[in-house]
Amino acid sequence: LAPLRGELARRLPGARPVAAAGDPLSGALAIAASLAVGAPVLPREPGLLDTYGD
């Protein structure tokens, strides 16, 4: 992870890494569940930047 952290510090000097809230399978299941019910977009994640207008 050292190269990744070094690149993060170089590109985004003010950013800090945080622990993930779940594992990749949890995320994949959330996306699959949304797609299965016809949701056209990914589920909202309050920790991420939202660039879409409501």
Protein backbone atom coordinates (compact mmCIF):
# COMPACT_ATOMS: atom_id res chain seq x y z
CA LEU A 1 0.00 0.00 0.00
CA ALA A 2 2.99 2.33 0.29
CA PRO A 3 3.00 3.27 -3.43
CA LEU A 4 -0.74 3.93 -3.33
CA ARG A 5 -0.46 6.14 -0.24
CA GLY A 6 2.47 8.01 -1.76
CA GLU A 7 0.52 8.71 -4.93
CA LEU A 8 -2.52 9.79 -2.91
CA ALA A 9 -0.36 12.23 -0.95
CA ARG A 10 1.15 13.58 -4.17
CA ARG A 11 -2.14 14.05 -6.02
CA LEU A 12 -4.38 15.05 -3.11
CA PRO A 13 -2.19 16.46 -0.35
CA GLY A 14 -5.15 17.34 1.89
CA ALA A 15 -6.85 13.94 1.60
CA ARG A 16 -6.67 11.27 4.26
CA PRO A 17 -7.45 7.58 3.74
CA VAL A 18 -10.24 6.08 5.83
CA ALA A 19 -11.28 2.51 6.49
CA ALA A 20 -13.93 1.04 4.20
CA ALA A 21 -17.46 0.71 5.57
CA GLY A 22 -17.92 -2.75 4.06
CA ASP A 23 -16.30 -5.29 1.81
CA PRO A 24 -16.39 -5.45 -2.01
CA LEU A 25 -19.09 -8.13 -1.94
CA SER A 26 -21.40 -5.86 0.08
CA GLY A 27 -20.98 -3.11 -2.50
CA ALA A 28 -21.54 -5.48 -5.41
CA LEU A 29 -24.71 -6.83 -3.80
CA ALA A 30 -26.06 -3.30 -3.23
CA ILE A 31 -25.48 -2.43 -6.89
CA ALA A 32 -27.02 -5.72 -8.09
CA ALA A 33 -30.09 -5.20 -5.87
CA SER A 34 -30.63 -1.68 -7.26
CA LEU A 35 -30.29 -2.90 -10.84
CA ALA A 36 -32.66 -5.83 -10.19
CA VAL A 37 -35.50 -3.50 -9.17
CA GLY A 38 -34.93 -1.20 -12.13
CA ALA A 39 -33.18 1.62 -10.29
CA PRO A 40 -31.39 3.59 -13.02
CA VAL A 41 -28.66 4.94 -10.72
CA LEU A 42 -26.37 3.67 -8.01
CA PRO A 43 -27.56 3.92 -4.41
CA ARG A 44 -26.70 7.22 -2.71
CA GLU A 45 -23.62 7.19 -0.53
CA PRO A 46 -23.54 10.11 1.89
CA GLY A 47 -19.75 9.99 2.15
CA LEU A 48 -19.22 10.59 -1.57
CA LEU A 49 -19.40 13.78 -3.59
CA ASP A 50 -22.76 14.17 -5.35
CA THR A 51 -22.48 15.92 -8.71
CA TYR A 52 -26.05 15.29 -9.82
CA GLY A 53 -28.87 17.76 -9.25
CA ASP A 54 -32.04 16.56 -7.60
